[in-house]
């Protein structure tokens, strides 16, 4: 199996300045994400950078990084730009969001297997979250599924609606997409009003009638969007909840 894992990495971030360059235990957020991707079997890993600072950081820890044009509108468009430059035919192309430092290699492989072994066009991941404050937080993207584990909708809003006194859990989306290579061109051509409202590019796929097959992972990840997320990540490492030799 040959897989290209492309990590779109933006320098600027509105809620946590230059978050991908922030060092935690002497490693940047970007390096944590890259290190896990590098352990995926049969993978070629490339950082799709939007700035020289990201290029320099990636090269410092041994990653291949490519500067992408400034006029690209989304992470997946940067993934497509890099994918077209790769001279090898791949079984799958992965868009791994750079601010997912706790996404284990086996979880990435789970998303890949849905595309390469089960023959779906697109896959992604989620976990169950039973924290009500997380449910209300628009930084945490929620997903609702049908009975076949296909995504019905993604939102920053708390869906499906639950009052606090009868809240159980919600399904939190994880920042990864795995594509059949030919579908990336299709994705780039899709138009979506929902994407404009929610600022969630995966809604382009659903709104245009395509399926995203979802898979449950066994434990939560921490996407780094805010200072609170960064503090949570620090605590997570301090408590050694994540057993991984790369740490």
C-alpha atoms as a PDB file:
ATOM      1  CA  UNK A   1       0.000   0.000   0.000  1.00  0.00           C
ATOM      2  CA  UNK A   2       1.280   3.461  -0.945  1.00  0.00           C
ATOM      3  CA  UNK A   3      -0.252   6.442   0.820  1.00  0.00           C
ATOM      4  CA  UNK A   4       0.556  10.137   0.668  1.00  0.00           C
ATOM      5  CA  UNK A   5      -0.116  11.966   3.930  1.00  0.00           C
ATOM      6  CA  UNK A   6      -0.168  15.700   3.318  1.00  0.00           C
ATOM      7  CA  UNK A   7      -0.255  18.065   6.284  1.00  0.00           C
ATOM      8  CA  UNK A   8      -1.587  21.549   5.414  1.00  0.00           C
ATOM      9  CA  UNK A   9       0.182  23.937   7.760  1.00  0.00           C
ATOM     10  CA  UNK A  10      -0.800  27.609   8.076  1.00  0.00           C
ATOM     11  CA  UNK A  11       1.358  30.041  10.038  1.00  0.00           C
ATOM     12  CA  UNK A  12      -1.397  32.461  11.018  1.00  0.00           C
ATOM     13  CA  UNK A  13      -4.188  31.420  13.351  1.00  0.00           C
ATOM     14  CA  UNK A  14      -6.695  33.818  14.846  1.00  0.00           C
ATOM     15  CA  UNK A  15      -7.343  32.104  18.177  1.00  0.00           C
ATOM     16  CA  UNK A  16      -3.786  31.056  19.055  1.00  0.00           C
ATOM     17  CA  UNK A  17      -0.994  32.943  17.311  1.00  0.00           C
ATOM     18  CA  UNK A  18       1.452  30.770  15.307  1.00  0.00           C
ATOM     19  CA  UNK A  19       0.159  27.734  17.152  1.00  0.00           C
ATOM     20  CA  UNK A  20       1.949  25.174  14.992  1.00  0.00           C
ATOM     21  CA  UNK A  21       5.332  26.591  16.026  1.00  0.00           C
ATOM     22  CA  UNK A  22       4.603  26.506  19.765  1.00  0.00           C
ATOM     23  CA  UNK A  23       7.005  24.179  21.582  1.00  0.00           C
ATOM     24  CA  UNK A  24       5.726  21.646  24.096  1.00  0.00           C
ATOM     25  CA  UNK A  25       8.468  19.542  25.708  1.00  0.00           C
ATOM     26  CA  UNK A  26      10.924  20.839  23.104  1.00  0.00           C
ATOM     27  CA  UNK A  27       8.780  19.787  20.121  1.00  0.00           C
ATOM     28  CA  UNK A  28       6.464  21.974  18.089  1.00  0.00           C
ATOM     29  CA  UNK A  29       2.809  21.080  17.598  1.00  0.00           C
ATOM     30  CA  UNK A  30       3.629  20.510  13.930  1.00  0.00           C
ATOM     31  CA  UNK A  31       6.405  18.053  14.800  1.00  0.00           C
ATOM     32  CA  UNK A  32       4.096  15.961  17.011  1.00  0.00           C
ATOM     33  CA  UNK A  33       1.620  15.649  14.144  1.00  0.00           C
ATOM     34  CA  UNK A  34       4.326  14.840  11.608  1.00  0.00           C
ATOM     35  CA  UNK A  35       5.973  12.237  13.862  1.00  0.00           C
ATOM     36  CA  UNK A  36       2.762  10.231  14.090  1.00  0.00           C
ATOM     37  CA  UNK A  37       2.098  10.442  10.355  1.00  0.00           C
ATOM     38  CA  UNK A  38       5.618   9.229   9.636  1.00  0.00           C
ATOM     39  CA  UNK A  39       4.894   5.973  11.502  1.00  0.00           C
ATOM     40  CA  UNK A  40       2.012   5.023   9.190  1.00  0.00           C
ATOM     41  CA  UNK A  41       2.973   2.021   7.089  1.00  0.00           C
ATOM     42  CA  UNK A  42       3.706   2.729   3.439  1.00  0.00           C
ATOM     43  CA  UNK A  43       3.375   6.482   3.849  1.00  0.00           C
ATOM     44  CA  UNK A  44       5.031   9.448   2.191  1.00  0.00           C
ATOM     45  CA  UNK A  45       4.557  12.509   4.401  1.00  0.00           C
ATOM     46  CA  UNK A  46       4.727  16.083   3.092  1.00  0.00           C
ATOM     47  CA  UNK A  47       4.035  19.359   4.900  1.00  0.00           C
ATOM     48  CA  UNK A  48       2.061  21.771   2.697  1.00  0.00           C
ATOM     49  CA  UNK A  49       3.319  25.073   4.096  1.00  0.00           C
ATOM     50  CA  UNK A  50       2.013  28.571   3.522  1.00  0.00           C
ATOM     51  CA  UNK A  51       5.103  30.419   4.797  1.00  0.00           C
ATOM     52  CA  UNK A  52       8.888  30.248   5.044  1.00  0.00           C
ATOM     53  CA  UNK A  53       8.632  29.987   8.833  1.00  0.00           C
ATOM     54  CA  UNK A  54       6.661  26.757   8.536  1.00  0.00           C
ATOM     55  CA  UNK A  55       9.147  25.468   5.940  1.00  0.00           C
ATOM     56  CA  UNK A  56      12.065  26.180   8.280  1.00  0.00           C
ATOM     57  CA  UNK A  57      10.390  24.489  11.236  1.00  0.00           C
ATOM     58  CA  UNK A  58       9.524  21.404   9.199  1.00  0.00           C
ATOM     59  CA  UNK A  59      13.033  21.098   7.802  1.00  0.00           C
ATOM     60  CA  UNK A  60      14.482  21.482  11.308  1.00  0.00           C
ATOM     61  CA  UNK A  61      12.911  18.167  12.350  1.00  0.00           C
ATOM     62  CA  UNK A  62      13.566  16.431   9.037  1.00  0.00           C
ATOM     63  CA  UNK A  63      10.239  16.783   7.247  1.00  0.00           C
ATOM     64  CA  UNK A  64       9.783  17.362   3.549  1.00  0.00           C
ATOM     65  CA  UNK A  65       7.943  20.655   3.123  1.00  0.00           C
ATOM     66  CA  UNK A  66       6.628  22.472   0.052  1.00  0.00           C
ATOM     67  CA  UNK A  67       5.522  26.096  -0.127  1.00  0.00           C
ATOM     68  CA  UNK A  68       1.986  26.358  -1.519  1.00  0.00           C
ATOM     69  CA  UNK A  69       0.422  29.383  -3.297  1.00  0.00           C
ATOM     70  CA  UNK A  70      -1.198  32.039  -1.138  1.00  0.00           C
ATOM     71  CA  UNK A  71      -4.442  32.050  -3.161  1.00  0.00           C
ATOM     72  CA  UNK A  72      -5.533  28.544  -2.148  1.00  0.00           C
ATOM     73  CA  UNK A  73      -8.733  28.719  -0.078  1.00  0.00           C
ATOM     74  CA  UNK A  74      -8.660  25.554   2.035  1.00  0.00           C
ATOM     75  CA  UNK A  75      -6.486  22.837   3.492  1.00  0.00           C
ATOM     76  CA  UNK A  76      -7.756  20.319   0.971  1.00  0.00           C
ATOM     77  CA  UNK A  77      -6.909  22.642  -1.925  1.00  0.00           C
ATOM     78  CA  UNK A  78      -3.332  22.742  -0.602  1.00  0.00           C
ATOM     79  CA  UNK A  79      -3.413  18.951  -0.386  1.00  0.00           C
ATOM     80  CA  UNK A  80      -4.517  18.757  -4.017  1.00  0.00           C
ATOM     81  CA  UNK A  81      -1.731  21.141  -5.056  1.00  0.00           C
ATOM     82  CA  UNK A  82       0.892  18.891  -3.446  1.00  0.00           C
ATOM     83  CA  UNK A  83      -0.726  15.677  -4.676  1.00  0.00           C
ATOM     84  CA  UNK A  84      -0.427  16.851  -8.279  1.00  0.00           C
ATOM     85  CA  UNK A  85       3.292  17.421  -7.786  1.00  0.00           C
ATOM     86  CA  UNK A  86       3.940  13.924  -6.453  1.00  0.00           C
ATOM     87  CA  UNK A  87       5.219  11.697  -9.236  1.00  0.00           C
ATOM     88  CA  UNK A  88       3.899   8.458  -7.826  1.00  0.00           C
ATOM     89  CA  UNK A  89       0.500   6.787  -8.021  1.00  0.00           C
ATOM     90  CA  UNK A  90      -0.973   6.437  -4.536  1.00  0.00           C
ATOM     91  CA  UNK A  91      -3.737   4.226  -3.223  1.00  0.00           C
ATOM     92  CA  UNK A  92      -4.985   7.042  -0.977  1.00  0.00           C
ATOM     93  CA  UNK A  93      -4.285  10.688  -0.185  1.00  0.00           C
ATOM     94  CA  UNK A  94      -4.674  11.842   3.420  1.00  0.00           C
ATOM     95  CA  UNK A  95      -5.366  15.403   4.539  1.00  0.00           C
ATOM     96  CA  UNK A  96      -4.082  15.424   8.119  1.00  0.00           C
ATOM     97  CA  UNK A  97      -4.701  18.687   9.914  1.00  0.00           C
ATOM     98  CA  UNK A  98      -1.495  20.005  11.403  1.00  0.00           C
ATOM     99  CA  UNK A  99      -3.015  20.858  14.793  1.00  0.00           C
ATOM    100  CA  UNK A 100      -3.865  17.201  15.661  1.00  0.00           C
ATOM    101  CA  UNK A 101      -0.765  16.198  17.682  1.00  0.00           C
ATOM    102  CA  UNK A 102      -2.411  13.240  19.440  1.00  0.00           C
ATOM    103  CA  UNK A 103      -3.788  11.395  16.443  1.00  0.00           C
ATOM    104  CA  UNK A 104      -2.076   8.019  16.735  1.00  0.00           C
ATOM    105  CA  UNK A 105      -0.710   6.202  13.681  1.00  0.00           C
ATOM    106  CA  UNK A 106      -3.157   3.327  14.085  1.00  0.00           C
ATOM    107  CA  UNK A 107      -6.073   5.771  13.898  1.00  0.00           C
ATOM    108  CA  UNK A 108      -4.699   7.319  10.711  1.00  0.00           C
ATOM    109  CA  UNK A 109      -4.385   3.791   9.315  1.00  0.00           C
ATOM    110  CA  UNK A 110      -8.019   3.112  10.230  1.00  0.00           C
ATOM    111  CA  UNK A 111      -9.164   6.021   8.052  1.00  0.00           C
ATOM    112  CA  UNK A 112      -6.904   4.831   5.243  1.00  0.00           C
ATOM    113  CA  UNK A 113      -8.231   1.276   5.331  1.00  0.00           C
ATOM    114  CA  UNK A 114     -11.793   2.485   4.728  1.00  0.00           C
ATOM    115  CA  UNK A 115     -10.687   3.933   1.395  1.00  0.00           C
ATOM    116  CA  UNK A 116      -8.155   1.307   0.319  1.00  0.00           C
ATOM    117  CA  UNK A 117      -9.882  -1.864   1.564  1.00  0.00           C
ATOM    118  CA  UNK A 118     -13.579  -0.924   1.729  1.00  0.00           C
ATOM    119  CA  UNK A 119     -13.465   1.178  -1.430  1.00  0.00           C
ATOM    120  CA  UNK A 120     -15.075   4.400  -0.178  1.00  0.00           C
ATOM    121  CA  UNK A 121     -14.305   7.769  -1.769  1.00  0.00           C
ATOM    122  CA  UNK A 122     -13.742   9.645   1.495  1.00  0.00           C
ATOM    123  CA  UNK A 123     -13.321   8.694   5.140  1.00  0.00           C
ATOM    124  CA  UNK A 124     -12.835  10.469   8.440  1.00  0.00           C
ATOM    125  CA  UNK A 125     -12.854   9.816  12.201  1.00  0.00           C
ATOM    126  CA  UNK A 126     -14.756  10.757  15.344  1.00  0.00           C
ATOM    127  CA  UNK A 127     -14.841   9.998  19.058  1.00  0.00           C
ATOM    128  CA  UNK A 128     -17.528  10.105  21.747  1.00  0.00           C
ATOM    129  CA  UNK A 129     -17.300  13.121  24.036  1.00  0.00           C
ATOM    130  CA  UNK A 130     -19.411  13.303  27.210  1.00  0.00           C
ATOM    131  CA  UNK A 131     -18.386  16.819  28.270  1.00  0.00           C
ATOM    132  CA  UNK A 132     -21.304  19.249  27.997  1.00  0.00           C
ATOM    133  CA  UNK A 133     -19.104  22.353  27.805  1.00  0.00           C
ATOM    134  CA  UNK A 134     -17.263  20.777  24.872  1.00  0.00           C
ATOM    135  CA  UNK A 135     -20.666  20.152  23.281  1.00  0.00           C
ATOM    136  CA  UNK A 136     -21.462  23.873  23.399  1.00  0.00           C
ATOM    137  CA  UNK A 137     -18.011  24.988  22.222  1.00  0.00           C
ATOM    138  CA  UNK A 138     -18.064  25.999  18.518  1.00  0.00           C
ATOM    139  CA  UNK A 139     -14.377  25.086  18.194  1.00  0.00           C
ATOM    140  CA  UNK A 140     -15.387  21.429  18.590  1.00  0.00           C
ATOM    141  CA  UNK A 141     -16.959  20.181  15.367  1.00  0.00           C
ATOM    142  CA  UNK A 142     -19.881  17.794  15.838  1.00  0.00           C
ATOM    143  CA  UNK A 143     -20.962  15.106  13.409  1.00  0.00           C
ATOM    144  CA  UNK A 144     -24.300  13.288  13.118  1.00  0.00           C
ATOM    145  CA  UNK A 145     -24.312   9.852  11.465  1.00  0.00           C
ATOM    146  CA  UNK A 146     -26.820   7.614   9.744  1.00  0.00           C
ATOM    147  CA  UNK A 147     -27.185   3.905  10.495  1.00  0.00           C
ATOM    148  CA  UNK A 148     -24.476   3.053   7.968  1.00  0.00           C
ATOM    149  CA  UNK A 149     -21.871   5.262   9.693  1.00  0.00           C
ATOM    150  CA  UNK A 150     -22.026   7.835   6.914  1.00  0.00           C
ATOM    151  CA  UNK A 151     -21.937  11.487   7.955  1.00  0.00           C
ATOM    152  CA  UNK A 152     -25.296  13.244   7.706  1.00  0.00           C
ATOM    153  CA  UNK A 153     -24.011  16.658   8.797  1.00  0.00           C
ATOM    154  CA  UNK A 154     -21.121  18.446  10.488  1.00  0.00           C
ATOM    155  CA  UNK A 155     -21.612  21.595  12.548  1.00  0.00           C
ATOM    156  CA  UNK A 156     -20.020  23.927  15.034  1.00  0.00           C
ATOM    157  CA  UNK A 157     -23.438  24.144  16.671  1.00  0.00           C
ATOM    158  CA  UNK A 158     -24.449  21.612  19.382  1.00  0.00           C
ATOM    159  CA  UNK A 159     -26.102  18.844  17.344  1.00  0.00           C
ATOM    160  CA  UNK A 160     -28.176  16.826  17.828  1.00  0.00           C
ATOM    161  CA  UNK A 161     -29.780  19.162  20.353  1.00  0.00           C
ATOM    162  CA  UNK A 162     -29.640  17.978  23.979  1.00  0.00           C
ATOM    163  CA  UNK A 163     -30.537  19.841  27.152  1.00  0.00           C
ATOM    164  CA  UNK A 164     -27.962  19.731  29.914  1.00  0.00           C
ATOM    165  CA  UNK A 165     -30.160  17.694  32.249  1.00  0.00           C
ATOM    166  CA  UNK A 166     -30.503  14.830  29.771  1.00  0.00           C
ATOM    167  CA  UNK A 167     -27.169  15.161  27.955  1.00  0.00           C
ATOM    168  CA  UNK A 168     -25.258  11.910  27.371  1.00  0.00           C
ATOM    169  CA  UNK A 169     -22.565  12.428  24.740  1.00  0.00           C
ATOM    170  CA  UNK A 170     -21.941  13.850  21.292  1.00  0.00           C
ATOM    171  CA  UNK A 171     -19.781  12.705  18.386  1.00  0.00           C
ATOM    172  CA  UNK A 172     -16.749  14.953  17.914  1.00  0.00           C
ATOM    173  CA  UNK A 173     -15.071  15.091  14.537  1.00  0.00           C
ATOM    174  CA  UNK A 174     -11.319  14.608  14.236  1.00  0.00           C
ATOM    175  CA  UNK A 175      -9.212  16.640  11.796  1.00  0.00           C
ATOM    176  CA  UNK A 176      -8.396  14.055   9.151  1.00  0.00           C
ATOM    177  CA  UNK A 177      -9.761  13.095   5.729  1.00  0.00           C
ATOM    178  CA  UNK A 178      -8.660  10.229   3.535  1.00  0.00           C
ATOM    179  CA  UNK A 179      -9.497  10.399  -0.189  1.00  0.00           C
ATOM    180  CA  UNK A 180      -9.324   8.212  -3.212  1.00  0.00           C
ATOM    181  CA  UNK A 181      -6.849  10.241  -5.316  1.00  0.00           C
ATOM    182  CA  UNK A 182      -9.255  10.800  -8.233  1.00  0.00           C
ATOM    183  CA  UNK A 183     -11.857  12.307  -5.893  1.00  0.00           C
ATOM    184  CA  UNK A 184      -9.574  15.198  -4.913  1.00  0.00           C
ATOM    185  CA  UNK A 185     -10.155  16.816  -8.307  1.00  0.00           C
ATOM    186  CA  UNK A 186     -13.886  16.357  -7.837  1.00  0.00           C
ATOM    187  CA  UNK A 187     -13.700  17.937  -4.399  1.00  0.00           C
ATOM    188  CA  UNK A 188     -11.892  21.004  -5.717  1.00  0.00           C
ATOM    189  CA  UNK A 189     -14.708  21.598  -8.236  1.00  0.00           C
ATOM    190  CA  UNK A 190     -17.571  21.390  -5.723  1.00  0.00           C
ATOM    191  CA  UNK A 191     -19.563  24.454  -4.646  1.00  0.00           C
ATOM    192  CA  UNK A 192     -21.256  24.755  -1.260  1.00  0.00           C
ATOM    193  CA  UNK A 193     -23.312  27.299   0.644  1.00  0.00           C
ATOM    194  CA  UNK A 194     -23.039  25.215   3.840  1.00  0.00           C
ATOM    195  CA  UNK A 195     -19.256  25.485   3.768  1.00  0.00           C
ATOM    196  CA  UNK A 196     -19.635  29.286   3.678  1.00  0.00           C
ATOM    197  CA  UNK A 197     -21.936  29.259   6.716  1.00  0.00           C
ATOM    198  CA  UNK A 198     -20.100  26.781   8.921  1.00  0.00           C
ATOM    199  CA  UNK A 199     -16.541  27.250   7.606  1.00  0.00           C
ATOM    200  CA  UNK A 200     -16.275  23.459   7.342  1.00  0.00           C
ATOM    201  CA  UNK A 201     -15.029  22.381   3.935  1.00  0.00           C
ATOM    202  CA  UNK A 202     -16.196  18.758   4.301  1.00  0.00           C
ATOM    203  CA  UNK A 203     -19.771  20.014   3.910  1.00  0.00           C
ATOM    204  CA  UNK A 204     -19.014  20.517   0.217  1.00  0.00           C
ATOM    205  CA  UNK A 205     -18.954  16.742  -0.130  1.00  0.00           C
ATOM    206  CA  UNK A 206     -22.243  16.051   1.635  1.00  0.00           C
ATOM    207  CA  UNK A 207     -24.128  18.949   0.077  1.00  0.00           C
ATOM    208  CA  UNK A 208     -23.250  17.623  -3.378  1.00  0.00           C
ATOM    209  CA  UNK A 209     -24.531  14.115  -2.656  1.00  0.00           C
ATOM    210  CA  UNK A 210     -21.301  12.249  -1.889  1.00  0.00           C
ATOM    211  CA  UNK A 211     -20.726  10.128   1.224  1.00  0.00           C
ATOM    212  CA  UNK A 212     -18.113  10.458   3.967  1.00  0.00           C
ATOM    213  CA  UNK A 213     -17.656   7.148   5.769  1.00  0.00           C
ATOM    214  CA  UNK A 214     -16.872   7.689   9.459  1.00  0.00           C
ATOM    215  CA  UNK A 215     -14.985   5.469  11.910  1.00  0.00           C
ATOM    216  CA  UNK A 216     -14.968   5.592  15.703  1.00  0.00           C
ATOM    217  CA  UNK A 217     -11.628   5.882  17.495  1.00  0.00           C
ATOM    218  CA  UNK A 218     -11.179   4.587  21.002  1.00  0.00           C
ATOM    219  CA  UNK A 219     -10.013   7.719  22.803  1.00  0.00           C
ATOM    220  CA  UNK A 220     -10.255  11.489  22.398  1.00  0.00           C
ATOM    221  CA  UNK A 221      -7.748  13.617  20.580  1.00  0.00           C
ATOM    222  CA  UNK A 222      -6.973  17.267  21.247  1.00  0.00           C
ATOM    223  CA  UNK A 223      -7.086  19.606  18.275  1.00  0.00           C
ATOM    224  CA  UNK A 224      -5.113  22.723  19.193  1.00  0.00           C
ATOM    225  CA  UNK A 225      -7.248  25.794  18.465  1.00  0.00           C
ATOM    226  CA  UNK A 226      -7.029  27.877  21.639  1.00  0.00           C
ATOM    227  CA  UNK A 227      -4.863  28.509  24.702  1.00  0.00           C
ATOM    228  CA  UNK A 228      -7.226  26.223  26.640  1.00  0.00           C
ATOM    229  CA  UNK A 229      -6.539  23.421  24.151  1.00  0.00           C
ATOM    230  CA  UNK A 230      -2.799  23.981  24.517  1.00  0.00           C
ATOM    231  CA  UNK A 231      -3.080  23.807  28.309  1.00  0.00           C
ATOM    232  CA  UNK A 232      -5.083  20.582  27.990  1.00  0.00           C
ATOM    233  CA  UNK A 233      -2.402  19.122  25.715  1.00  0.00           C
ATOM    234  CA  UNK A 234       0.311  20.031  28.226  1.00  0.00           C
ATOM    235  CA  UNK A 235      -1.627  18.364  31.036  1.00  0.00           C
ATOM    236  CA  UNK A 236      -2.214  15.309  28.895  1.00  0.00           C
ATOM    237  CA  UNK A 237       1.509  14.848  28.333  1.00  0.00           C
ATOM    238  CA  UNK A 238       2.365  15.551  31.962  1.00  0.00           C
ATOM    239  CA  UNK A 239      -0.046  12.889  33.149  1.00  0.00           C
ATOM    240  CA  UNK A 240       1.412  10.454  30.569  1.00  0.00           C
ATOM    241  CA  UNK A 241      -2.043   9.411  29.470  1.00  0.00           C
ATOM    242  CA  UNK A 242      -0.774   8.877  25.954  1.00  0.00           C
ATOM    243  CA  UNK A 243       1.713   6.009  25.903  1.00  0.00           C
ATOM    244  CA  UNK A 244       3.905   6.606  22.867  1.00  0.00           C
ATOM    245  CA  UNK A 245       7.649   6.202  22.537  1.00  0.00           C
ATOM    246  CA  UNK A 246       7.916   9.351  20.415  1.00  0.00           C
ATOM    247  CA  UNK A 247       7.229  11.390  23.538  1.00  0.00           C
END
